[in-house]
Protein backbone atom coordinates (compact mmCIF):
# COMPACT_ATOMS: atom_id res chain seq x y z
CA MET A 1 32.21 33.84 5.01
CA ALA A 2 32.07 36.94 2.79
CA ARG A 3 30.32 40.02 4.11
CA PRO A 4 27.44 41.65 2.04
CA ILE A 5 28.08 45.12 0.57
CA VAL A 6 25.88 48.04 1.27
CA ALA A 7 26.58 51.18 -0.81
CA ILE A 8 25.41 54.75 0.14
CA VAL A 9 24.82 56.54 -2.98
CA GLY A 10 23.61 60.09 -3.78
CA ARG A 11 24.59 63.40 -4.87
CA PRO A 12 27.22 65.55 -2.89
CA ASN A 13 26.16 67.34 0.47
CA VAL A 14 23.30 64.86 1.43
CA GLY A 15 25.18 63.43 4.32
CA LYS A 16 26.42 60.33 2.96
CA SER A 17 29.86 60.38 5.00
CA THR A 18 27.74 61.35 8.26
CA LEU A 19 25.70 58.42 7.56
CA PHE A 20 28.43 56.04 6.82
CA ASN A 21 30.12 57.26 10.45
CA ARG A 22 26.68 56.72 12.18
CA ILE A 23 26.70 53.08 11.04
CA LEU A 24 30.08 52.46 11.76
CA GLY A 25 29.66 53.80 15.30
CA TRP A 26 28.02 50.77 16.27
CA ARG A 27 31.05 48.73 15.77
CA LYS A 28 33.62 51.47 16.83
CA ALA A 29 32.02 51.37 20.26
CA ILE A 30 32.97 47.82 20.83
CA VAL A 31 36.35 47.71 19.30
CA ASP A 32 39.15 50.16 20.54
CA PRO A 33 41.03 51.95 17.89
CA GLN A 34 44.70 50.86 17.29
CA SER A 35 47.31 53.76 17.40
CA GLY A 36 48.95 54.53 14.36
CA LEU A 37 46.33 53.38 11.95
CA THR A 38 45.14 56.25 9.52
CA ARG A 39 42.33 55.19 7.19
CA ASP A 40 40.43 57.19 4.29
CA ARG A 41 36.80 56.60 5.57
CA LEU A 42 35.55 54.89 2.59
CA TYR A 43 34.98 51.55 3.82
CA GLY A 44 34.09 50.01 7.05
CA VAL A 45 32.66 46.71 8.78
CA ALA A 46 29.38 47.42 10.52
CA GLU A 47 27.38 45.19 12.82
CA TRP A 48 23.86 45.32 13.52
CA SER A 49 21.72 42.69 15.43
CA GLY A 50 24.42 40.22 15.12
CA ARG A 51 25.04 40.51 11.40
CA GLU A 52 28.22 41.99 9.89
CA PHE A 53 28.19 43.89 6.70
CA THR A 54 30.23 46.20 4.59
CA VAL A 55 29.68 49.92 4.19
CA VAL A 56 31.00 51.61 1.24
CA ASP A 57 30.58 55.50 1.19
CA THR A 58 30.80 56.28 -2.67
CA ALA A 59 31.73 59.63 -4.26
CA GLY A 60 28.86 62.02 -4.81
CA LEU A 61 27.30 61.91 -8.22
CA ASP A 62 26.98 65.39 -9.62
CA LEU A 63 25.07 66.06 -12.94
CA ASP A 64 25.54 69.83 -12.91
CA ASN A 65 29.13 69.48 -13.85
CA ALA A 66 28.27 67.87 -17.27
CA GLN A 67 30.67 70.10 -18.95
CA ASP A 68 33.65 68.59 -17.41
CA GLU A 69 32.34 64.92 -16.74
CA SER A 70 29.97 63.38 -19.06
CA ARG A 71 26.82 61.58 -18.60
CA ALA A 72 28.23 58.22 -19.59
CA ALA A 73 31.07 58.38 -16.77
CA ILE A 74 28.51 59.23 -14.06
CA GLU A 75 26.42 56.42 -15.24
CA ALA A 76 29.26 54.24 -15.22
CA GLN A 77 30.21 54.68 -11.78
CA THR A 78 26.74 54.28 -10.55
CA LYS A 79 26.70 51.08 -12.32
CA VAL A 80 29.83 49.97 -10.64
CA ALA A 81 28.21 50.48 -7.27
CA ILE A 82 25.09 48.87 -8.47
CA ASP A 83 27.00 45.69 -9.62
CA GLN A 84 29.03 45.32 -6.42
CA ALA A 85 26.56 46.01 -3.59
CA HIS A 86 24.00 43.79 -2.43
CA VAL A 87 21.87 46.59 -1.07
CA ILE A 88 22.01 50.36 -2.31
CA VAL A 89 21.07 53.03 -0.09
CA LEU A 90 19.85 56.18 -2.03
CA LEU A 91 20.35 59.15 0.22
CA LEU A 92 18.21 62.27 -0.13
CA ASP A 93 18.07 65.60 1.59
CA VAL A 94 14.62 65.96 2.98
CA ARG A 95 14.95 69.71 3.64
CA GLN A 96 15.67 70.40 0.06
CA GLY A 97 13.50 67.92 -1.62
CA LEU A 98 14.19 66.30 -4.96
CA THR A 99 16.67 67.76 -7.29
CA ALA A 100 17.12 66.83 -11.15
CA VAL A 101 20.24 65.00 -9.90
CA ASP A 102 18.25 62.66 -7.47
CA ARG A 103 15.75 61.94 -10.16
CA GLU A 104 18.23 60.89 -12.52
CA ILE A 105 20.02 58.61 -9.89
CA ALA A 106 16.69 56.95 -9.16
CA ILE A 107 16.21 56.31 -12.84
CA LEU A 108 19.53 54.56 -13.03
CA LEU A 109 18.66 52.46 -10.00
CA ARG A 110 15.21 51.57 -10.84
CA ARG A 111 16.27 50.34 -14.17
CA SER A 112 18.89 48.00 -12.66
CA GLY A 113 16.30 45.94 -10.60
CA ARG A 114 18.69 45.76 -7.77
CA LYS A 115 17.53 46.21 -4.05
CA VAL A 116 17.21 50.03 -3.19
CA LEU A 117 16.52 51.41 0.23
CA VAL A 118 15.68 55.21 0.11
CA ALA A 119 16.59 57.32 3.24
CA ALA A 120 15.61 60.76 3.63
CA ASN A 121 18.26 62.47 5.63
CA LYS A 122 18.41 65.76 7.73
CA ALA A 123 14.98 64.89 9.36
CA ASP A 124 16.08 66.44 12.52
CA SER A 125 12.68 67.69 13.73
CA PRO A 126 9.04 67.38 12.28
CA SER A 127 9.45 70.95 10.93
CA GLU A 128 12.38 69.83 8.80
CA ARG A 129 10.28 67.29 7.04
CA GLY A 130 8.44 69.34 4.60
CA PHE A 131 9.54 67.85 1.28
CA ALA A 132 9.22 64.01 2.76
CA HIS A 133 6.02 63.59 0.26
CA GLU A 134 8.29 64.27 -2.59
CA MET A 135 10.33 61.23 -2.17
CA LEU A 136 7.38 59.10 -3.12
CA GLU A 137 7.69 60.46 -6.76
CA LEU A 138 10.70 58.15 -7.37
CA GLY A 139 8.64 55.11 -7.31
CA PHE A 140 10.32 53.25 -4.47
CA ASP A 141 8.82 52.14 -1.19
CA SER A 142 8.27 54.90 1.48
CA PRO A 143 11.46 56.38 2.59
CA HIS A 144 13.30 56.05 5.97
CA LEU A 145 13.20 59.77 7.70
CA ILE A 146 16.46 59.69 9.46
CA SER A 147 18.95 62.18 11.11
CA ALA A 148 22.45 60.55 10.44
CA GLN A 149 23.65 63.63 12.53
CA HIS A 150 21.58 62.87 15.61
CA GLY A 151 20.89 59.24 15.27
CA ILE A 152 16.98 59.56 14.76
CA GLY A 153 15.42 56.86 13.00
CA ILE A 154 18.80 54.88 12.42
CA GLY A 155 17.39 51.78 14.16
CA ASP A 156 14.53 51.16 11.93
CA PHE A 157 16.46 51.89 8.88
CA LEU A 158 19.29 49.43 9.73
CA ASP A 159 16.50 46.60 10.66
CA GLU A 160 15.14 47.42 7.01
CA VAL A 161 18.90 47.03 5.54
CA LEU A 162 19.36 43.65 7.26
CA GLU A 163 15.84 42.46 5.78
CA MET A 164 17.01 43.27 2.27
CA LEU A 165 20.63 41.62 2.51
CA PRO A 166 21.01 38.24 1.27
CA PRO A 167 20.75 35.17 3.56
CA ALA A 168 24.07 34.32 5.23
CA GLU A 169 26.13 31.78 3.39
CA GLU A 170 27.39 28.82 4.90
CA GLU A 171 30.96 28.14 5.07
CA ALA A 172 32.56 25.31 3.05
CA PRO A 173 34.30 22.69 4.73
CA GLY A 174 37.90 23.86 5.65
CA ASP A 175 39.49 20.75 3.58
CA ALA A 176 37.14 21.39 0.69
CA LYS A 177 37.58 25.14 0.30
CA ALA A 178 40.63 26.60 -1.70
CA ASP A 179 42.77 29.29 0.23
CA ARG A 180 42.32 32.54 -1.33
CA LEU A 181 44.86 35.42 -1.55
CA ALA A 182 43.79 38.70 -2.27
CA ILE A 183 46.72 40.98 -4.34
CA MET A 184 46.24 44.56 -3.37
CA GLY A 185 47.95 47.73 -3.14
CA ARG A 186 48.47 51.09 -4.85
CA PRO A 187 48.56 51.23 -8.74
CA ASN A 188 51.87 50.34 -10.72
CA VAL A 189 53.40 48.47 -7.70
CA GLY A 190 53.48 45.53 -9.72
CA LYS A 191 50.61 43.54 -8.59
CA SER A 192 49.92 41.89 -11.92
CA SER A 193 53.62 40.99 -12.46
CA LEU A 194 53.56 39.35 -9.26
CA LEU A 195 50.72 37.39 -10.07
CA ASN A 196 52.46 36.29 -13.21
CA ALA A 197 55.47 35.59 -11.27
CA LEU A 198 53.64 33.16 -8.89
CA LEU A 199 51.93 31.59 -11.80
CA GLY A 200 54.83 31.04 -13.90
CA ASP A 201 53.15 32.55 -17.09
CA GLU A 202 51.81 35.72 -18.37
CA ARG A 203 48.10 35.47 -17.65
CA ALA A 204 47.67 39.11 -16.23
CA LEU A 205 47.88 42.13 -18.42
CA VAL A 206 50.99 43.98 -17.48
CA SER A 207 51.77 47.63 -18.38
CA ASP A 208 53.60 50.53 -17.21
CA VAL A 209 50.35 52.71 -17.02
CA PRO A 210 48.79 52.88 -13.56
CA GLY A 211 45.28 51.37 -13.35
CA THR A 212 45.57 48.75 -16.23
CA THR A 213 43.59 46.15 -14.17
CA ARG A 214 39.97 47.21 -13.44
CA ASP A 215 38.17 44.20 -12.32
CA PRO A 216 39.52 41.51 -9.85
CA VAL A 217 40.51 38.32 -11.67
CA ASP A 218 40.33 35.01 -9.91
CA THR A 219 43.39 32.48 -10.90
CA GLU A 220 43.47 29.09 -9.54
CA LEU A 221 46.43 26.96 -8.84
CA ILE A 222 47.70 24.18 -6.89
CA PHE A 223 50.91 24.75 -4.61
CA ASP A 224 52.25 21.82 -2.86
CA ASN A 225 48.82 19.83 -3.40
CA ILE A 226 47.21 22.69 -1.63
CA PRO A 227 44.24 24.55 -3.70
CA VAL A 228 44.92 28.19 -4.02
CA VAL A 229 43.10 31.14 -5.56
CA LEU A 230 44.88 34.25 -6.58
CA VAL A 231 42.87 37.50 -7.02
CA ASP A 232 44.43 40.33 -8.66
CA THR A 233 42.73 43.57 -7.99
CA ALA A 234 42.78 47.18 -9.26
CA GLY A 235 45.05 49.69 -7.54
CA ILE A 236 43.79 51.59 -4.76
CA ARG A 237 44.74 55.42 -5.10
CA ARG A 238 43.69 58.66 -3.14
CA LYS A 239 40.39 60.16 -4.13
CA SER A 240 42.13 63.57 -4.99
CA ALA A 241 44.54 61.66 -7.41
CA ALA A 242 41.57 59.88 -9.36
CA ARG A 243 41.18 61.89 -12.45
CA ASP A 244 39.01 59.15 -14.10
CA ARG A 245 35.86 59.12 -11.90
CA LEU A 246 35.36 55.30 -12.59
CA GLU A 247 38.83 54.54 -10.72
CA ARG A 248 37.07 56.02 -7.55
CA TYR A 249 35.25 52.75 -7.46
CA SER A 250 38.24 50.60 -7.96
CA LEU A 251 37.99 50.39 -3.92
CA MET A 252 34.80 48.97 -3.96
CA ARG A 253 36.06 46.18 -6.50
CA GLY A 254 38.95 45.55 -4.42
CA ILE A 255 36.98 45.39 -1.02
CA ASN A 256 34.39 42.72 -2.72
CA ALA A 257 37.57 40.73 -3.65
CA MET A 258 39.18 41.05 -0.04
CA GLU A 259 35.79 40.09 1.45
CA ARG A 260 36.28 36.68 -0.35
CA ALA A 261 39.83 36.21 0.59
CA ASP A 262 41.56 34.61 3.55
CA VAL A 263 44.85 36.71 3.45
CA VAL A 264 45.65 39.79 1.71
CA LEU A 265 49.13 40.22 0.08
CA LEU A 266 49.72 43.81 0.35
CA VAL A 267 52.25 44.88 -2.47
CA LEU A 268 54.48 48.01 -1.84
CA ASP A 269 57.29 49.44 -3.96
CA ALA A 270 60.73 49.10 -2.56
CA SER A 271 61.74 52.19 -4.67
CA THR A 272 59.31 54.56 -3.54
CA GLY A 273 58.65 53.33 -0.02
CA VAL A 274 55.66 53.41 1.93
CA MET A 275 52.83 55.58 1.18
CA ALA A 276 49.52 56.51 3.08
CA GLN A 277 47.55 54.55 1.06
CA ASP A 278 49.68 51.38 1.66
CA GLN A 279 48.51 52.05 5.40
CA HIS A 280 45.04 52.23 4.30
CA VAL A 281 44.71 48.86 2.66
CA ALA A 282 46.65 47.46 5.75
CA GLY A 283 43.68 48.93 7.76
CA TYR A 284 41.16 47.73 5.53
CA ALA A 285 42.24 44.28 5.78
CA LEU A 286 42.71 44.01 9.61
CA GLU A 287 39.45 45.74 10.16
CA ALA A 288 37.60 43.02 7.88
CA GLY A 289 39.67 40.41 10.14
CA LYS A 290 41.69 39.33 7.25
CA GLY A 291 45.15 37.88 7.32
CA LEU A 292 48.01 40.23 6.28
CA VAL A 293 51.21 39.69 4.50
CA ILE A 294 53.20 42.68 3.35
CA VAL A 295 55.15 41.98 -0.01
CA VAL A 296 57.97 44.56 -0.78
CA ASN A 297 58.13 44.44 -4.56
CA LYS A 298 60.96 45.61 -6.97
CA ILE A 299 63.72 45.02 -4.76
CA ASP A 300 65.69 44.56 -8.11
CA LEU A 301 65.56 48.68 -8.08
CA VAL A 302 67.24 48.93 -4.75
CA GLU A 303 70.85 48.59 -3.51
CA PRO A 304 71.87 45.21 -2.81
CA ALA A 305 72.05 45.86 0.95
CA LEU A 306 68.37 46.89 1.08
CA ARG A 307 66.91 43.81 -0.69
CA ARG A 308 66.75 41.50 2.52
CA ALA A 309 63.64 40.76 4.11
CA GLN A 310 65.00 41.46 7.78
CA TYR A 311 65.91 44.99 6.66
CA TRP A 312 62.39 45.42 5.43
CA ARG A 313 61.12 44.01 8.49
CA GLU A 314 62.83 46.62 10.80
CA GLU A 315 62.19 49.35 8.41
CA LEU A 316 58.52 48.81 8.20
CA LEU A 317 57.91 48.62 11.89
CA LYS A 318 57.26 52.21 12.17
CA ASP A 319 54.93 52.65 9.16
CA PHE A 320 53.01 49.44 10.41
CA LYS A 321 53.28 49.39 13.96
CA PHE A 322 49.51 48.67 14.05
CA ALA A 323 50.44 45.47 12.56
CA PRO A 324 53.78 44.25 13.98
CA PHE A 325 52.44 40.47 13.48
CA ALA A 326 52.39 40.76 9.70
CA PRO A 327 55.29 38.93 8.02
CA VAL A 328 57.26 40.66 5.51
CA VAL A 329 58.53 39.20 2.12
CA ALA A 330 60.93 40.98 -0.12
CA VAL A 331 60.49 39.81 -4.01
CA SER A 332 61.13 41.03 -7.23
CA ALA A 333 58.38 39.84 -9.68
CA LYS A 334 60.63 41.00 -12.64
CA THR A 335 63.54 38.79 -11.77
CA ARG A 336 62.00 36.26 -9.51
CA GLU A 337 64.14 36.80 -6.74
CA GLY A 338 62.55 36.10 -3.32
CA ILE A 339 59.35 34.71 -5.06
CA ARG A 340 59.79 31.13 -3.66
CA THR A 341 59.21 32.40 -0.19
CA LEU A 342 55.92 34.17 -0.66
CA MET A 343 53.56 31.36 -1.11
CA PRO A 344 54.65 29.57 2.07
CA ALA A 345 54.42 32.45 4.00
CA ALA A 346 51.12 33.34 2.85
CA LEU A 347 49.86 29.86 3.38
CA ASP A 348 51.45 29.75 6.92
CA VAL A 349 49.07 32.81 7.91
CA VAL A 350 46.10 30.98 6.25
CA GLY A 351 46.89 28.08 8.61
CA GLN A 352 47.26 30.32 11.64
CA ARG A 353 43.79 31.38 10.94
CA ARG A 354 42.29 28.04 11.73
CA VAL A 355 44.47 27.35 14.92
CA LYS A 356 41.90 26.29 17.71
CA ILE A 357 42.89 27.26 21.05
CA PRO A 358 42.10 24.85 23.78
CA PRO A 359 39.75 26.70 26.55
CA ASN A 360 41.53 25.58 29.42
CA GLU A 361 44.84 26.71 28.18
CA LEU A 362 43.32 30.02 27.04
CA ASN A 363 41.86 30.58 30.62
CA ARG A 364 45.16 29.39 32.23
CA LEU A 365 47.06 32.36 30.27
CA LEU A 366 44.51 35.00 30.96
CA ARG A 367 44.68 34.08 34.64
CA GLU A 368 48.27 34.49 34.44
CA ALA A 369 48.36 37.73 32.66
CA LEU A 370 45.75 39.20 35.06
CA ASP A 371 48.04 38.13 37.96
CA GLU A 372 51.06 39.27 36.61
CA HIS A 373 49.59 42.59 35.53
CA PRO A 374 46.23 43.53 37.02
CA PRO A 375 44.18 45.71 34.88
CA PRO A 376 43.75 49.42 36.08
CA SER A 377 40.91 50.32 38.24
CA PHE A 378 38.31 53.05 37.03
CA LYS A 379 35.93 55.00 39.43
CA GLY A 380 36.72 52.09 42.17
CA LYS A 381 35.91 49.28 39.57
CA ARG A 382 38.25 46.63 38.22
CA LEU A 383 37.98 44.43 35.24
CA LYS A 384 37.32 40.79 36.12
CA VAL A 385 37.44 38.03 33.54
CA GLY A 386 35.03 35.28 34.50
CA PHE A 387 35.58 33.06 31.52
CA ALA A 388 36.96 33.17 28.00
CA THR A 389 36.48 30.90 24.82
CA GLN A 390 37.31 31.04 21.16
CA ALA A 391 34.44 32.04 18.93
CA GLY A 392 33.53 29.49 16.15
CA THR A 393 34.87 32.14 13.27
CA GLU A 394 37.67 31.72 11.18
CA ALA A 395 39.18 35.27 12.05
CA PRO A 396 40.80 34.68 15.53
CA THR A 397 38.25 35.93 17.78
CA ILE A 398 38.24 35.57 21.61
CA VAL A 399 35.11 36.29 23.74
CA LEU A 400 35.54 37.40 27.42
CA PHE A 401 32.98 37.33 29.71
CA VAL A 402 33.57 40.01 32.25
CA ASN A 403 31.83 41.95 35.26
CA ASP A 404 31.74 45.05 33.28
CA VAL A 405 32.47 45.73 29.48
CA GLY A 406 33.28 49.28 29.92
CA LEU A 407 36.51 48.51 32.40
CA LEU A 408 38.83 47.42 29.31
CA HIS A 409 41.05 50.28 28.43
CA PHE A 410 42.72 49.91 25.01
CA SER A 411 46.12 49.69 26.27
CA TYR A 412 45.11 46.74 28.30
CA ARG A 413 43.46 45.25 25.29
CA ARG A 414 46.60 45.50 23.35
CA TYR A 415 48.28 43.87 26.52
CA LEU A 416 45.84 40.80 26.50
CA GLU A 417 46.58 40.62 22.61
CA LYS A 418 50.17 40.41 23.14
CA LYS A 419 49.91 37.49 25.48
CA ILE A 420 47.56 35.51 23.53
CA ARG A 421 49.74 36.04 20.38
CA ASP A 422 53.12 35.25 22.34
CA ARG A 423 51.53 32.02 23.51
CA PHE A 424 49.41 30.85 20.48
CA GLY A 425 51.03 32.77 17.63
CA LEU A 426 48.45 33.54 15.16
CA MET A 427 51.01 35.18 12.89
CA GLY A 428 49.66 37.69 10.34
CA ASN A 429 46.33 37.78 11.73
CA PRO A 430 44.49 40.40 13.75
CA ILE A 431 43.03 39.23 17.21
CA ARG A 432 39.51 40.23 18.06
CA LEU A 433 38.60 40.48 21.78
CA VAL A 434 34.81 40.80 22.16
CA LEU A 435 33.45 41.39 25.65
CA ARG A 436 30.44 40.09 26.91
CA SER A 437 28.94 40.94 30.49
CA GLU A 438 27.06 38.15 32.57
CA SER A 439 23.92 39.12 30.75
CA GLY A 440 25.55 38.33 27.35
CA LYS A 441 25.31 41.75 25.99
CA ARG A 442 28.38 43.00 23.77
CA ALA A 443 30.59 45.72 24.79
CA GLY A 444 29.05 49.16 23.66
CA ALA A 445 25.68 47.86 23.69
CA LYS A 446 24.43 49.37 26.83
CA PRO A 447 20.90 50.61 26.58
CA GLY A 448 20.73 54.40 26.31
CA ASP A 449 24.25 54.78 24.65
CA GLY A 450 22.66 56.00 21.63
CA LYS A 451 20.42 58.63 23.14
CA ARG A 452 23.28 60.03 25.17
CA GLY A 453 25.49 60.25 22.28
CA ALA A 454 23.11 61.75 19.87
CA ALA A 455 23.14 64.80 21.66
CA LYS A 456 26.71 65.45 20.79
CA GLY A 457 25.86 65.03 17.24
CA GLY A 458 28.14 64.38 14.59
CA GLY A 459 30.00 61.98 12.91
CA GLU A 460 33.57 62.58 11.22
CA LYS A 461 34.30 65.35 8.87
CA PRO A 462 35.30 64.06 5.42
CA GLY A 463 38.89 63.97 4.93
CA ARG A 464 39.95 63.56 8.60
CA SER A 465 42.55 60.97 9.26
CA GLY A 466 42.27 58.37 12.04
CA PRO A 467 39.47 56.60 13.63
CA PRO A 468 36.59 58.77 14.92
CA ARG A 469 36.26 59.13 18.50
CA ALA A 470 33.55 57.25 20.24
CA ALA A 471 31.79 60.09 22.06
CA LYS A 472 31.43 61.83 18.91
CA ILE A 473 29.61 58.88 17.02
CA ALA A 474 27.10 57.17 19.06
CA PRO A 475 25.82 53.57 18.35
CA PRO A 476 22.64 53.50 16.63
CA THR A 477 19.89 52.14 18.90
CA LYS A 478 16.27 51.44 18.57
CA ARG A 479 15.77 54.22 21.56
CA ALA A 480 17.80 56.77 19.25
CA ALA A 481 15.33 55.83 16.45
CA ALA A 482 12.34 57.30 18.20
CA ALA A 483 10.92 60.57 17.22
CA PRO A 484 12.27 63.78 19.13
CA LYS A 485 10.01 65.18 21.77
CA LYS A 486 8.30 68.39 20.71
């Protein structure tokens, strides 16, 4: 089931990244970060009231630099956000009031006819809301007064976001749905050439100029009587390297394609090795619960001894230590070497996503794991697992009913994941462990967490690598949404 996309749009310095991190804080509180995973904080999967959605932190729109960037380019990038997102959050600064840039963006959004939710940020106290009345001039509904830094008003804001999202789509039956494979990676690593090699013809435009592919392209084929859809996406590059501002939204296009896919084929360039962006794309796929296959392309450009898949499996372990379960395939889209091994590997990962684990075997395995290596105690308490079951989602998800959702250390979580993987396989797919207490609450959803965390403020600073620390980003809760005391 594809998650709906919520895009945060606004001029620079209104707090888009802070709001982005605040929204993701709800999910980060229930999923421990995996070591070795670095991410550009442009994309994340958030959850509120049981509904998951994708959040995209877009680049700031700045009309003041008209000499360097034309109005047409700015309108184009805003249009991309409009086209890809189901709900657009127009973020404003309630302290500064409306600016000419805010009004220009509002005009573009209003003409689009899309769903727009206005949020007035930095409303930390009643004394800092002096320009709230100006926001009504934009012609939208009354804005939500929020403080992304302190969590004020975030609960009611997210409730409104959920109301504006489209209804959840029903999953097609497994035997009637084509397996979807999204081809993703940096620009010029040979994604379109790989697509052509898999199809056996020249359907995709291939060029030496990076960034030739702008929009995801769906192509259907039949492989061993199995319907498959291949999605060729635009290359994902670093923000600092995107001279064409429109290319910054190639990531959003790729994310939209990835959300509709079962497995991501991450294409690397054998001649250049692993770049940080390759790790980022892998992180996006795993965070979204998608299967992952690492495809090392252009092996015709390296020495014969370096063309073996086994060599790359060992070589990539240090760069993708957060995804040791992902299969590695070495190919050359130009010479067709290794191409025949790619589709079977990808479809095997799709099949592993649909493995149903018998509850009695799962619980027997967990009991053995707990007896073999008991969980560490914390303040005199020790984790106890009463029962475990597999959730009804396609991404492998295990629900653990425990005595205290706060007692599962991230290292012990990895230990349990490894035990499950050793017994049941699930190759190429991330395993989600969701904890529920006896009352049925998810891990990280304790009452008052948002209020305690709000006092520390914050959110992740733009440009920082790695996942944010949970203590700095409190989950948005209804309690945090209450107005501050005078």
